[in-house]
PDB file of N, CA and C in Angstrom:
ATOM      1  N   MET A   1      -4.086  -5.476  19.797  1.00  0.00           N
ATOM      2  CA  MET A   1      -4.675  -5.051  21.052  1.00  0.00           C
ATOM      3  C   MET A   1      -5.107  -6.231  21.907  1.00  0.00           C
ATOM      4  N   THR A   2      -5.346  -7.341  21.275  1.00  0.00           N
ATOM      5  CA  THR A   2      -5.819  -8.481  22.052  1.00  0.00           C
ATOM      6  C   THR A   2      -4.725  -9.061  22.945  1.00  0.00           C
ATOM      7  N   ALA A   3      -3.470  -8.894  22.570  1.00  0.00           N
ATOM      8  CA  ALA A   3      -2.378  -9.448  23.360  1.00  0.00           C
ATOM      9  C   ALA A   3      -1.617  -8.383  24.148  1.00  0.00           C
ATOM     10  N   ALA A   4      -1.957  -7.126  23.968  1.00  0.00           N
ATOM     11  CA  ALA A   4      -1.208  -6.031  24.603  1.00  0.00           C
ATOM     12  C   ALA A   4      -1.659  -5.802  26.039  1.00  0.00           C
ATOM     13  N   HIS A   5      -0.735  -5.299  26.815  1.00  0.00           N
ATOM     14  CA  HIS A   5      -1.068  -4.861  28.168  1.00  0.00           C
ATOM     15  C   HIS A   5      -1.388  -3.367  28.163  1.00  0.00           C
ATOM     16  N   HIS A   6      -0.663  -2.640  27.315  1.00  0.00           N
ATOM     17  CA  HIS A   6      -0.795  -1.184  27.266  1.00  0.00           C
ATOM     18  C   HIS A   6      -1.005  -0.720  25.834  1.00  0.00           C
ATOM     19  N   LEU A   7      -1.637   0.439  25.712  1.00  0.00           N
ATOM     20  CA  LEU A   7      -1.904   1.023  24.410  1.00  0.00           C
ATOM     21  C   LEU A   7      -1.577   2.509  24.458  1.00  0.00           C
ATOM     22  N   ILE A   8      -0.886   2.978  23.436  1.00  0.00           N
ATOM     23  CA  ILE A   8      -0.661   4.405  23.238  1.00  0.00           C
ATOM     24  C   ILE A   8      -1.309   4.759  21.912  1.00  0.00           C
ATOM     25  N   ILE A   9      -2.048   5.824  21.889  1.00  0.00           N
ATOM     26  CA  ILE A   9      -2.679   6.271  20.659  1.00  0.00           C
ATOM     27  C   ILE A   9      -1.864   7.442  20.111  1.00  0.00           C
ATOM     28  N   PRO A  10      -1.193   7.222  18.993  1.00  0.00           N
ATOM     29  CA  PRO A  10      -0.514   8.354  18.359  1.00  0.00           C
ATOM     30  C   PRO A  10      -1.504   9.091  17.459  1.00  0.00           C
ATOM     31  N   ILE A  11      -1.541  10.384  17.580  1.00  0.00           N
ATOM     32  CA  ILE A  11      -2.430  11.176  16.738  1.00  0.00           C
ATOM     33  C   ILE A  11      -1.595  12.211  16.001  1.00  0.00           C
ATOM     34  N   ALA A  12      -1.554  12.076  14.674  1.00  0.00           N
ATOM     35  CA  ALA A  12      -0.908  13.107  13.861  1.00  0.00           C
ATOM     36  C   ALA A  12      -1.792  14.342  13.932  1.00  0.00           C
ATOM     37  N   CYS A  13      -1.176  15.473  14.029  1.00  0.00           N
ATOM     38  CA  CYS A  13      -1.926  16.712  14.193  1.00  0.00           C
ATOM     39  C   CYS A  13      -2.504  17.145  12.847  1.00  0.00           C
ATOM     40  N   LYS A  14      -3.418  16.326  12.367  1.00  0.00           N
ATOM     41  CA  LYS A  14      -4.085  16.549  11.089  1.00  0.00           C
ATOM     42  C   LYS A  14      -5.561  16.244  11.284  1.00  0.00           C
ATOM     43  N   LEU A  15      -6.393  16.920  10.531  1.00  0.00           N
ATOM     44  CA  LEU A  15      -7.832  16.819  10.706  1.00  0.00           C
ATOM     45  C   LEU A  15      -8.344  15.388  10.589  1.00  0.00           C
ATOM     46  N   TYR A  16      -7.906  14.652   9.578  1.00  0.00           N
ATOM     47  CA  TYR A  16      -8.430  13.303   9.381  1.00  0.00           C
ATOM     48  C   TYR A  16      -7.984  12.344  10.478  1.00  0.00           C
ATOM     49  N   SER A  17      -6.841  12.586  11.065  1.00  0.00           N
ATOM     50  CA  SER A  17      -6.396  11.740  12.176  1.00  0.00           C
ATOM     51  C   SER A  17      -7.340  11.878  13.356  1.00  0.00           C
ATOM     52  N   LEU A  18      -7.730  13.093  13.627  1.00  0.00           N
ATOM     53  CA  LEU A  18      -8.649  13.345  14.736  1.00  0.00           C
ATOM     54  C   LEU A  18      -9.997  12.675  14.489  1.00  0.00           C
ATOM     55  N   GLN A  19     -10.470  12.745  13.261  1.00  0.00           N
ATOM     56  CA  GLN A  19     -11.760  12.138  12.934  1.00  0.00           C
ATOM     57  C   GLN A  19     -11.721  10.620  13.077  1.00  0.00           C
ATOM     58  N   GLY A  20     -10.598   9.996  12.782  1.00  0.00           N
ATOM     59  CA  GLY A  20     -10.482   8.551  12.888  1.00  0.00           C
ATOM     60  C   GLY A  20     -10.358   8.052  14.312  1.00  0.00           C
ATOM     61  N   THR A  21     -10.101   8.948  15.250  1.00  0.00           N
ATOM     62  CA  THR A  21      -9.915   8.557  16.642  1.00  0.00           C
ATOM     63  C   THR A  21     -11.185   7.980  17.245  1.00  0.00           C
ATOM     64  N   ASN A  22     -12.340   8.476  16.851  1.00  0.00           N
ATOM     65  CA  ASN A  22     -13.606   7.926  17.374  1.00  0.00           C
ATOM     66  C   ASN A  22     -13.757   6.457  17.012  1.00  0.00           C
ATOM     67  N   ASP A  23     -13.428   6.120  15.768  1.00  0.00           N
ATOM     68  CA  ASP A  23     -13.497   4.718  15.351  1.00  0.00           C
ATOM     69  C   ASP A  23     -12.527   3.865  16.161  1.00  0.00           C
ATOM     70  N   LEU A  24     -11.329   4.378  16.382  1.00  0.00           N
ATOM     71  CA  LEU A  24     -10.335   3.641  17.160  1.00  0.00           C
ATOM     72  C   LEU A  24     -10.820   3.415  18.592  1.00  0.00           C
ATOM     73  N   MET A  25     -11.393   4.424  19.202  1.00  0.00           N
ATOM     74  CA  MET A  25     -11.870   4.278  20.581  1.00  0.00           C
ATOM     75  C   MET A  25     -13.014   3.266  20.665  1.00  0.00           C
ATOM     76  N   ASN A  26     -13.844   3.203  19.627  1.00  0.00           N
ATOM     77  CA  ASN A  26     -14.890   2.169  19.591  1.00  0.00           C
ATOM     78  C   ASN A  26     -14.274   0.783  19.513  1.00  0.00           C
ATOM     79  N   THR A  27     -13.222   0.644  18.720  1.00  0.00           N
ATOM     80  CA  THR A  27     -12.525  -0.639  18.611  1.00  0.00           C
ATOM     81  C   THR A  27     -11.891  -1.014  19.946  1.00  0.00           C
ATOM     82  N   VAL A  28     -11.247  -0.056  20.607  1.00  0.00           N
ATOM     83  CA  VAL A  28     -10.638  -0.315  21.924  1.00  0.00           C
ATOM     84  C   VAL A  28     -11.707  -0.794  22.898  1.00  0.00           C
ATOM     85  N   SER A  29     -12.845  -0.156  22.881  1.00  0.00           N
ATOM     86  CA  SER A  29     -13.941  -0.546  23.776  1.00  0.00           C
ATOM     87  C   SER A  29     -14.398  -1.982  23.509  1.00  0.00           C
ATOM     88  N   LYS A  30     -14.529  -2.343  22.249  1.00  0.00           N
ATOM     89  CA  LYS A  30     -14.942  -3.707  21.888  1.00  0.00           C
ATOM     90  C   LYS A  30     -13.895  -4.731  22.304  1.00  0.00           C
ATOM     91  N   VAL A  31     -12.630  -4.402  22.101  1.00  0.00           N
ATOM     92  CA  VAL A  31     -11.554  -5.327  22.495  1.00  0.00           C
ATOM     93  C   VAL A  31     -11.578  -5.528  24.001  1.00  0.00           C
ATOM     94  N   ARG A  32     -11.761  -4.463  24.754  1.00  0.00           N
ATOM     95  CA  ARG A  32     -11.815  -4.582  26.214  1.00  0.00           C
ATOM     96  C   ARG A  32     -12.991  -5.447  26.660  1.00  0.00           C
ATOM     97  N   LYS A  33     -14.134  -5.281  26.019  1.00  0.00           N
ATOM     98  CA  LYS A  33     -15.334  -6.028  26.410  1.00  0.00           C
ATOM     99  C   LYS A  33     -15.247  -7.505  26.068  1.00  0.00           C
ATOM    100  N   THR A  34     -14.615  -7.832  24.939  1.00  0.00           N
ATOM    101  CA  THR A  34     -14.692  -9.207  24.452  1.00  0.00           C
ATOM    102  C   THR A  34     -13.397 -10.001  24.516  1.00  0.00           C
ATOM    103  N   LEU A  35     -12.258  -9.346  24.339  1.00  0.00           N
ATOM    104  CA  LEU A  35     -11.011 -10.098  24.190  1.00  0.00           C
ATOM    105  C   LEU A  35      -9.926  -9.795  25.223  1.00  0.00           C
ATOM    106  N   ASN A  36      -9.869  -8.557  25.683  1.00  0.00           N
ATOM    107  CA  ASN A  36      -8.764  -8.178  26.564  1.00  0.00           C
ATOM    108  C   ASN A  36      -9.226  -7.122  27.568  1.00  0.00           C
ATOM    109  N   PRO A  37      -9.880  -7.547  28.628  1.00  0.00           N
ATOM    110  CA  PRO A  37     -10.378  -6.578  29.607  1.00  0.00           C
ATOM    111  C   PRO A  37      -9.269  -5.839  30.357  1.00  0.00           C
ATOM    112  N   ASP A  38      -8.037  -6.337  30.277  1.00  0.00           N
ATOM    113  CA  ASP A  38      -6.919  -5.708  30.982  1.00  0.00           C
ATOM    114  C   ASP A  38      -6.170  -4.679  30.142  1.00  0.00           C
ATOM    115  N   LEU A  39      -6.637  -4.420  28.939  1.00  0.00           N
ATOM    116  CA  LEU A  39      -5.975  -3.447  28.076  1.00  0.00           C
ATOM    117  C   LEU A  39      -6.036  -2.065  28.723  1.00  0.00           C
ATOM    118  N   ASN A  40      -4.862  -1.482  28.906  1.00  0.00           N
ATOM    119  CA  ASN A  40      -4.734  -0.205  29.596  1.00  0.00           C
ATOM    120  C   ASN A  40      -4.317   0.876  28.608  1.00  0.00           C
ATOM    121  N   LEU A  41      -5.097   1.934  28.517  1.00  0.00           N
ATOM    122  CA  LEU A  41      -4.736   3.058  27.663  1.00  0.00           C
ATOM    123  C   LEU A  41      -3.755   3.946  28.422  1.00  0.00           C
ATOM    124  N   LEU A  42      -2.469   3.879  28.024  1.00  0.00           N
ATOM    125  CA  LEU A  42      -1.444   4.677  28.692  1.00  0.00           C
ATOM    126  C   LEU A  42      -1.543   6.146  28.332  1.00  0.00           C
ATOM    127  N   GLY A  43      -1.982   6.428  27.144  1.00  0.00           N
ATOM    128  CA  GLY A  43      -2.101   7.831  26.787  1.00  0.00           C
ATOM    129  C   GLY A  43      -2.181   8.076  25.301  1.00  0.00           C
ATOM    130  N   VAL A  44      -2.212   9.362  25.002  1.00  0.00           N
ATOM    131  CA  VAL A  44      -2.309   9.841  23.634  1.00  0.00           C
ATOM    132  C   VAL A  44      -1.094  10.719  23.371  1.00  0.00           C
ATOM    133  N   LEU A  45      -0.408  10.427  22.270  1.00  0.00           N
ATOM    134  CA  LEU A  45       0.789  11.183  21.917  1.00  0.00           C
ATOM    135  C   LEU A  45       0.523  11.939  20.619  1.00  0.00           C
ATOM    136  N   ILE A  46       0.604  13.247  20.684  1.00  0.00           N
ATOM    137  CA  ILE A  46       0.378  14.085  19.513  1.00  0.00           C
ATOM    138  C   ILE A  46       1.679  14.206  18.731  1.00  0.00           C
ATOM    139  N   GLY A  47       1.601  13.911  17.445  1.00  0.00           N
ATOM    140  CA  GLY A  47       2.781  13.990  16.580  1.00  0.00           C
ATOM    141  C   GLY A  47       2.528  14.850  15.359  1.00  0.00           C
ATOM    142  N   GLN A  48       3.600  15.128  14.633  1.00  0.00           N
ATOM    143  CA  GLN A  48       3.561  15.961  13.435  1.00  0.00           C
ATOM    144  C   GLN A  48       2.934  17.314  13.740  1.00  0.00           C
ATOM    145  N   TYR A  49       3.278  17.851  14.901  1.00  0.00           N
ATOM    146  CA  TYR A  49       2.701  19.114  15.353  1.00  0.00           C
ATOM    147  C   TYR A  49       3.486  20.285  14.779  1.00  0.00           C
ATOM    148  N   ASP A  50       2.764  21.209  14.164  1.00  0.00           N
ATOM    149  CA  ASP A  50       3.346  22.434  13.630  1.00  0.00           C
ATOM    150  C   ASP A  50       2.689  23.588  14.372  1.00  0.00           C
ATOM    151  N   ARG A  51       3.474  24.344  15.116  1.00  0.00           N
ATOM    152  CA  ARG A  51       2.937  25.397  15.964  1.00  0.00           C
ATOM    153  C   ARG A  51       2.328  26.572  15.198  1.00  0.00           C
ATOM    154  N   VAL A  52       2.662  26.717  13.932  1.00  0.00           N
ATOM    155  CA  VAL A  52       2.251  27.899  13.182  1.00  0.00           C
ATOM    156  C   VAL A  52       0.782  27.872  12.747  1.00  0.00           C
ATOM    157  N   PRO A  53       0.315  26.863  12.027  1.00  0.00           N
ATOM    158  CA  PRO A  53      -1.076  26.915  11.560  1.00  0.00           C
ATOM    159  C   PRO A  53      -2.084  26.867  12.709  1.00  0.00           C
ATOM    160  N   VAL A  54      -3.094  27.684  12.599  1.00  0.00           N
ATOM    161  CA  VAL A  54      -4.152  27.725  13.610  1.00  0.00           C
ATOM    162  C   VAL A  54      -4.819  26.358  13.728  1.00  0.00           C
ATOM    163  N   ILE A  55      -5.033  25.673  12.616  1.00  0.00           N
ATOM    164  CA  ILE A  55      -5.705  24.373  12.650  1.00  0.00           C
ATOM    165  C   ILE A  55      -4.941  23.369  13.518  1.00  0.00           C
ATOM    166  N   SER A  56      -3.612  23.432  13.505  1.00  0.00           N
ATOM    167  CA  SER A  56      -2.822  22.526  14.350  1.00  0.00           C
ATOM    168  C   SER A  56      -3.083  22.795  15.824  1.00  0.00           C
ATOM    169  N   ARG A  57      -3.118  24.043  16.181  1.00  0.00           N
ATOM    170  CA  ARG A  57      -3.387  24.390  17.581  1.00  0.00           C
ATOM    171  C   ARG A  57      -4.808  23.995  17.981  1.00  0.00           C
ATOM    172  N   GLU A  58      -5.742  24.166  17.068  1.00  0.00           N
ATOM    173  CA  GLU A  58      -7.129  23.788  17.355  1.00  0.00           C
ATOM    174  C   GLU A  58      -7.270  22.275  17.522  1.00  0.00           C
ATOM    175  N   ILE A  59      -6.589  21.521  16.689  1.00  0.00           N
ATOM    176  CA  ILE A  59      -6.629  20.058  16.803  1.00  0.00           C
ATOM    177  C   ILE A  59      -6.011  19.629  18.128  1.00  0.00           C
ATOM    178  N   ARG A  60      -4.883  20.226  18.486  1.00  0.00           N
ATOM    179  CA  ARG A  60      -4.249  19.893  19.766  1.00  0.00           C
ATOM    180  C   ARG A  60      -5.200  20.184  20.925  1.00  0.00           C
ATOM    181  N   GLU A  61      -5.853  21.344  20.893  1.00  0.00           N
ATOM    182  CA  GLU A  61      -6.795  21.693  21.956  1.00  0.00           C
ATOM    183  C   GLU A  61      -7.960  20.703  22.017  1.00  0.00           C
ATOM    184  N   GLU A  62      -8.439  20.273  20.866  1.00  0.00           N
ATOM    185  CA  GLU A  62      -9.542  19.305  20.820  1.00  0.00           C
ATOM    186  C   GLU A  62      -9.117  17.956  21.402  1.00  0.00           C
ATOM    187  N   VAL A  63      -7.922  17.521  21.058  1.00  0.00           N
ATOM    188  CA  VAL A  63      -7.402  16.264  21.609  1.00  0.00           C
ATOM    189  C   VAL A  63      -7.280  16.382  23.126  1.00  0.00           C
ATOM    190  N   GLU A  64      -6.759  17.511  23.598  1.00  0.00           N
ATOM    191  CA  GLU A  64      -6.605  17.708  25.045  1.00  0.00           C
ATOM    192  C   GLU A  64      -7.963  17.770  25.751  1.00  0.00           C
ATOM    193  N   ARG A  65      -8.952  18.380  25.107  1.00  0.00           N
ATOM    194  CA  ARG A  65     -10.309  18.396  25.688  1.00  0.00           C
ATOM    195  C   ARG A  65     -10.895  16.986  25.745  1.00  0.00           C
ATOM    196  N   SER A  66     -10.689  16.233  24.681  1.00  0.00           N
ATOM    197  CA  SER A  66     -11.276  14.896  24.590  1.00  0.00           C
ATOM    198  C   SER A  66     -10.618  13.886  25.523  1.00  0.00           C
ATOM    199  N   PHE A  67      -9.297  13.960  25.671  1.00  0.00           N
ATOM    200  CA  PHE A  67      -8.572  12.931  26.416  1.00  0.00           C
ATOM    201  C   PHE A  67      -8.001  13.401  27.747  1.00  0.00           C
ATOM    202  N   GLY A  68      -8.045  14.691  28.024  1.00  0.00           N
ATOM    203  CA  GLY A  68      -7.599  15.210  29.325  1.00  0.00           C
ATOM    204  C   GLY A  68      -6.191  14.789  29.698  1.00  0.00           C
ATOM    205  N   ASP A  69      -6.058  14.211  30.887  1.00  0.00           N
ATOM    206  CA  ASP A  69      -4.748  13.829  31.422  1.00  0.00           C
ATOM    207  C   ASP A  69      -4.090  12.688  30.662  1.00  0.00           C
ATOM    208  N   LEU A  70      -4.819  12.034  29.790  1.00  0.00           N
ATOM    209  CA  LEU A  70      -4.219  10.955  29.007  1.00  0.00           C
ATOM    210  C   LEU A  70      -3.250  11.490  27.936  1.00  0.00           C
ATOM    211  N   VAL A  71      -3.376  12.768  27.587  1.00  0.00           N
ATOM    212  CA  VAL A  71      -2.491  13.344  26.573  1.00  0.00           C
ATOM    213  C   VAL A  71      -1.095  13.536  27.173  1.00  0.00           C
ATOM    214  N   PHE A  72      -0.096  13.022  26.477  1.00  0.00           N
ATOM    215  CA  PHE A  72       1.279  13.200  26.931  1.00  0.00           C
ATOM    216  C   PHE A  72       1.586  14.695  27.002  1.00  0.00           C
ATOM    217  N   PRO A  73       2.359  15.126  27.989  1.00  0.00           N
ATOM    218  CA  PRO A  73       2.683  16.556  28.103  1.00  0.00           C
ATOM    219  C   PRO A  73       3.613  17.057  26.994  1.00  0.00           C
ATOM    220  N   VAL A  74       4.296  16.156  26.337  1.00  0.00           N
ATOM    221  CA  VAL A  74       5.183  16.528  25.238  1.00  0.00           C
ATOM    222  C   VAL A  74       4.496  16.192  23.917  1.00  0.00           C
ATOM    223  N   VAL A  75       4.700  17.037  22.917  1.00  0.00           N
ATOM    224  CA  VAL A  75       4.229  16.738  21.570  1.00  0.00           C
ATOM    225  C   VAL A  75       5.458  16.551  20.687  1.00  0.00           C
ATOM    226  N   ILE A  76       5.292  15.771  19.639  1.00  0.00           N
ATOM    227  CA  ILE A  76       6.374  15.552  18.681  1.00  0.00           C
ATOM    228  C   ILE A  76       6.137  16.494  17.503  1.00  0.00           C
ATOM    229  N   SER A  77       7.049  17.416  17.313  1.00  0.00           N
ATOM    230  CA  SER A  77       6.903  18.414  16.254  1.00  0.00           C
ATOM    231  C   SER A  77       7.084  17.792  14.875  1.00  0.00           C
ATOM    232  N   LYS A  78       6.496  18.451  13.897  1.00  0.00           N
ATOM    233  CA  LYS A  78       6.724  18.066  12.507  1.00  0.00           C
ATOM    234  C   LYS A  78       8.170  18.437  12.185  1.00  0.00           C
ATOM    235  N   SER A  79       8.920  17.484  11.611  1.00  0.00           N
ATOM    236  CA  SER A  79      10.334  17.727  11.361  1.00  0.00           C
ATOM    237  C   SER A  79      10.842  16.866  10.221  1.00  0.00           C
ATOM    238  N   ILE A  80      11.674  17.448   9.409  1.00  0.00           N
ATOM    239  CA  ILE A  80      12.324  16.699   8.330  1.00  0.00           C
ATOM    240  C   ILE A  80      13.285  15.660   8.909  1.00  0.00           C
ATOM    241  N   ARG A  81      13.722  15.850  10.146  1.00  0.00           N
ATOM    242  CA  ARG A  81      14.650  14.899  10.785  1.00  0.00           C
ATOM    243  C   ARG A  81      14.050  13.500  10.863  1.00  0.00           C
ATOM    244  N   VAL A  82      12.753  13.428  11.067  1.00  0.00           N
ATOM    245  CA  VAL A  82      12.090  12.122  11.133  1.00  0.00           C
ATOM    246  C   VAL A  82      12.179  11.434   9.773  1.00  0.00           C
ATOM    247  N   GLU A  83      11.895  12.173   8.708  1.00  0.00           N
ATOM    248  CA  GLU A  83      11.993  11.606   7.356  1.00  0.00           C
ATOM    249  C   GLU A  83      13.428  11.174   7.048  1.00  0.00           C
ATOM    250  N   GLU A  84      14.394  11.962   7.472  1.00  0.00           N
ATOM    251  CA  GLU A  84      15.801  11.608   7.250  1.00  0.00           C
ATOM    252  C   GLU A  84      16.171  10.327   7.999  1.00  0.00           C
ATOM    253  N   ALA A  85      15.689  10.200   9.211  1.00  0.00           N
ATOM    254  CA  ALA A  85      15.971   8.998   9.996  1.00  0.00           C
ATOM    255  C   ALA A  85      15.375   7.766   9.325  1.00  0.00           C
ATOM    256  N   ILE A  86      14.159   7.895   8.833  1.00  0.00           N
ATOM    257  CA  ILE A  86      13.516   6.774   8.147  1.00  0.00           C
ATOM    258  C   ILE A  86      14.306   6.400   6.901  1.00  0.00           C
ATOM    259  N   ALA A  87      14.724   7.394   6.135  1.00  0.00           N
ATOM    260  CA  ALA A  87      15.487   7.135   4.908  1.00  0.00           C
ATOM    261  C   ALA A  87      16.809   6.437   5.208  1.00  0.00           C
ATOM    262  N   GLN A  88      17.420   6.770   6.350  1.00  0.00           N
ATOM    263  CA  GLN A  88      18.691   6.162   6.732  1.00  0.00           C
ATOM    264  C   GLN A  88      18.500   4.883   7.539  1.00  0.00           C
ATOM    265  N   LYS A  89      17.246   4.498   7.730  1.00  0.00           N
ATOM    266  CA  LYS A  89      16.903   3.305   8.517  1.00  0.00           C
ATOM    267  C   LYS A  89      17.496   3.382   9.929  1.00  0.00           C
ATOM    268  N   LYS A  90      17.356   4.566  10.515  1.00  0.00           N
ATOM    269  CA  LYS A  90      17.832   4.799  11.876  1.00  0.00           C
ATOM    270  C   LYS A  90      16.710   5.420  12.691  1.00  0.00           C
ATOM    271  N   GLY A  91      16.846   5.298  13.989  1.00  0.00           N
ATOM    272  CA  GLY A  91      15.956   6.032  14.872  1.00  0.00           C
ATOM    273  C   GLY A  91      16.410   7.481  14.942  1.00  0.00           C
ATOM    274  N   VAL A  92      15.496   8.379  15.190  1.00  0.00           N
ATOM    275  CA  VAL A  92      15.839   9.801  15.272  1.00  0.00           C
ATOM    276  C   VAL A  92      16.897  10.033  16.339  1.00  0.00           C
ATOM    277  N   VAL A  93      16.822   9.314  17.441  1.00  0.00           N
ATOM    278  CA  VAL A  93      17.792   9.519  18.512  1.00  0.00           C
ATOM    279  C   VAL A  93      19.190   9.050  18.135  1.00  0.00           C
ATOM    280  N   GLU A  94      19.319   8.283  17.048  1.00  0.00           N
ATOM    281  CA  GLU A  94      20.636   7.834  16.587  1.00  0.00           C
ATOM    282  C   GLU A  94      21.330   8.866  15.696  1.00  0.00           C
ATOM    283  N   LEU A  95      20.573   9.820  15.180  1.00  0.00           N
ATOM    284  CA  LEU A  95      21.174  10.807  14.286  1.00  0.00           C
ATOM    285  C   LEU A  95      22.099  11.736  15.063  1.00  0.00           C
ATOM    286  N   PRO A  96      23.226  12.095  14.451  1.00  0.00           N
ATOM    287  CA  PRO A  96      24.195  12.962  15.141  1.00  0.00           C
ATOM    288  C   PRO A  96      23.763  14.431  15.081  1.00  0.00           C
ATOM    289  N   ILE A  97      22.678  14.726  15.759  1.00  0.00           N
ATOM    290  CA  ILE A  97      22.153  16.088  15.729  1.00  0.00           C
ATOM    291  C   ILE A  97      21.735  16.519  17.120  1.00  0.00           C
ATOM    292  N   LYS A  98      21.693  17.784  17.310  1.00  0.00           N
ATOM    293  CA  LYS A  98      21.075  18.344  18.509  1.00  0.00           C
ATOM    294  C   LYS A  98      19.875  19.108  18.001  1.00  0.00           C
ATOM    295  N   ASP A  99      18.759  18.484  18.063  1.00  0.00           N
ATOM    296  CA  ASP A  99      17.564  19.028  17.452  1.00  0.00           C
ATOM    297  C   ASP A  99      16.408  18.885  18.423  1.00  0.00           C
ATOM    298  N   ARG A 100      15.442  19.779  18.322  1.00  0.00           N
ATOM    299  CA  ARG A 100      14.270  19.736  19.198  1.00  0.00           C
ATOM    300  C   ARG A 100      13.542  18.405  19.084  1.00  0.00           C
ATOM    301  N   ILE A 101      13.450  17.857  17.879  1.00  0.00           N
ATOM    302  CA  ILE A 101      12.709  16.615  17.673  1.00  0.00           C
ATOM    303  C   ILE A 101      13.320  15.462  18.465  1.00  0.00           C
ATOM    304  N   LYS A 102      14.625  15.434  18.525  1.00  0.00           N
ATOM    305  CA  LYS A 102      15.325  14.383  19.282  1.00  0.00           C
ATOM    306  C   LYS A 102      14.964  14.480  20.764  1.00  0.00           C
ATOM    307  N   LYS A 103      14.962  15.682  21.295  1.00  0.00           N
ATOM    308  CA  LYS A 103      14.617  15.903  22.704  1.00  0.00           C
ATOM    309  C   LYS A 103      13.157  15.538  22.966  1.00  0.00           C
ATOM    310  N   GLU A 104      12.275  15.904  22.042  1.00  0.00           N
ATOM    311  CA  GLU A 104      10.856  15.583  22.218  1.00  0.00           C
ATOM    312  C   GLU A 104      10.637  14.077  22.264  1.00  0.00           C
ATOM    313  N   ILE A 105      11.312  13.347  21.405  1.00  0.00           N
ATOM    314  CA  ILE A 105      11.158  11.893  21.382  1.00  0.00           C
ATOM    315  C   ILE A 105      11.720  11.274  22.657  1.00  0.00           C
ATOM    316  N   GLU A 106      12.857  11.775  23.113  1.00  0.00           N
ATOM    317  CA  GLU A 106      13.427  11.277  24.374  1.00  0.00           C
ATOM    318  C   GLU A 106      12.476  11.570  25.539  1.00  0.00           C
ATOM    319  N   ASP A 107      11.882  12.771  25.564  1.00  0.00           N
ATOM    320  CA  ASP A 107      10.928  13.118  26.623  1.00  0.00           C
ATOM    321  C   ASP A 107       9.678  12.231  26.564  1.00  0.00           C
ATOM    322  N   ALA A 108       9.205  11.953  25.354  1.00  0.00           N
ATOM    323  CA  ALA A 108       8.044  11.076  25.202  1.00  0.00           C
ATOM    324  C   ALA A 108       8.368   9.664  25.696  1.00  0.00           C
ATOM    325  N   ALA A 109       9.572   9.199  25.408  1.00  0.00           N
ATOM    326  CA  ALA A 109       9.986   7.869  25.873  1.00  0.00           C
ATOM    327  C   ALA A 109      10.039   7.824  27.402  1.00  0.00           C
ATOM    328  N   GLN A 110      10.549   8.877  28.014  1.00  0.00           N
ATOM    329  CA  GLN A 110      10.598   8.932  29.480  1.00  0.00           C
ATOM    330  C   GLN A 110       9.185   8.936  30.076  1.00  0.00           C
ATOM    331  N   GLU A 111       8.280   9.645  29.425  1.00  0.00           N
ATOM    332  CA  GLU A 111       6.888   9.677  29.900  1.00  0.00           C
ATOM    333  C   GLU A 111       6.245   8.298  29.738  1.00  0.00           C
ATOM    334  N   LEU A 112       6.546   7.624  28.655  1.00  0.00           N
ATOM    335  CA  LEU A 112       6.041   6.265  28.433  1.00  0.00           C
ATOM    336  C   LEU A 112       6.536   5.329  29.539  1.00  0.00           C
ATOM    337  N   ILE A 113       7.813   5.408  29.847  1.00  0.00           N
ATOM    338  CA  ILE A 113       8.381   4.574  30.912  1.00  0.00           C
ATOM    339  C   ILE A 113       7.714   4.892  32.250  1.00  0.00           C
ATOM    340  N   ARG A 114       7.524   6.174  32.527  1.00  0.00           N
ATOM    341  CA  ARG A 114       6.891   6.577  33.784  1.00  0.00           C
ATOM    342  C   ARG A 114       5.474   6.018  33.875  1.00  0.00           C
ATOM    343  N   ARG A 115       4.698   6.167  32.804  1.00  0.00           N
ATOM    344  CA  ARG A 115       3.310   5.712  32.842  1.00  0.00           C
ATOM    345  C   ARG A 115       3.193   4.188  32.900  1.00  0.00           C
ATOM    346  N   SER A 116       4.079   3.493  32.239  1.00  0.00           N
ATOM    347  CA  SER A 116       3.984   2.035  32.247  1.00  0.00           C
ATOM    348  C   SER A 116       4.466   1.443  33.577  1.00  0.00           C
ATOM    349  N   SER A 117       5.134   2.243  34.385  1.00  0.00           N
ATOM    350  CA  SER A 117       5.631   1.777  35.684  1.00  0.00           C
ATOM    351  C   SER A 117       4.614   1.966  36.789  1.00  0.00           C
ATOM    352  N   LEU A 118       3.570   2.727  36.526  1.00  0.00           N
ATOM    353  CA  LEU A 118       2.587   3.030  37.579  1.00  0.00           C
ATOM    354  C   LEU A 118       1.752   1.826  37.944  1.00  0.00           C
TER     355      LEU A 118
END
């Protein structure tokens, strides 16, 4: 964070990830105050999202309440495709599939490009 211009906070849609976010935000605040006042928080990207469990939806709502417009409009769903890509040492977008996860990652990348251009 001391050398970065921009920061994206990925949050896995799991209870412990949400709890650790407060510690991370305290660290970001300290870095801005002491080492890198130009550090820009581009946003929060929710990952490993499963639409079925109520807890996942509640965590997503809490993240959106806490971070507002900083939350990327796209979420990255929980998918075995990600594990397969890691096992094959490839990016998900390199896999020869037409899958929702691939589209979500491409949309997140486009949002990242848009936000970093502002």
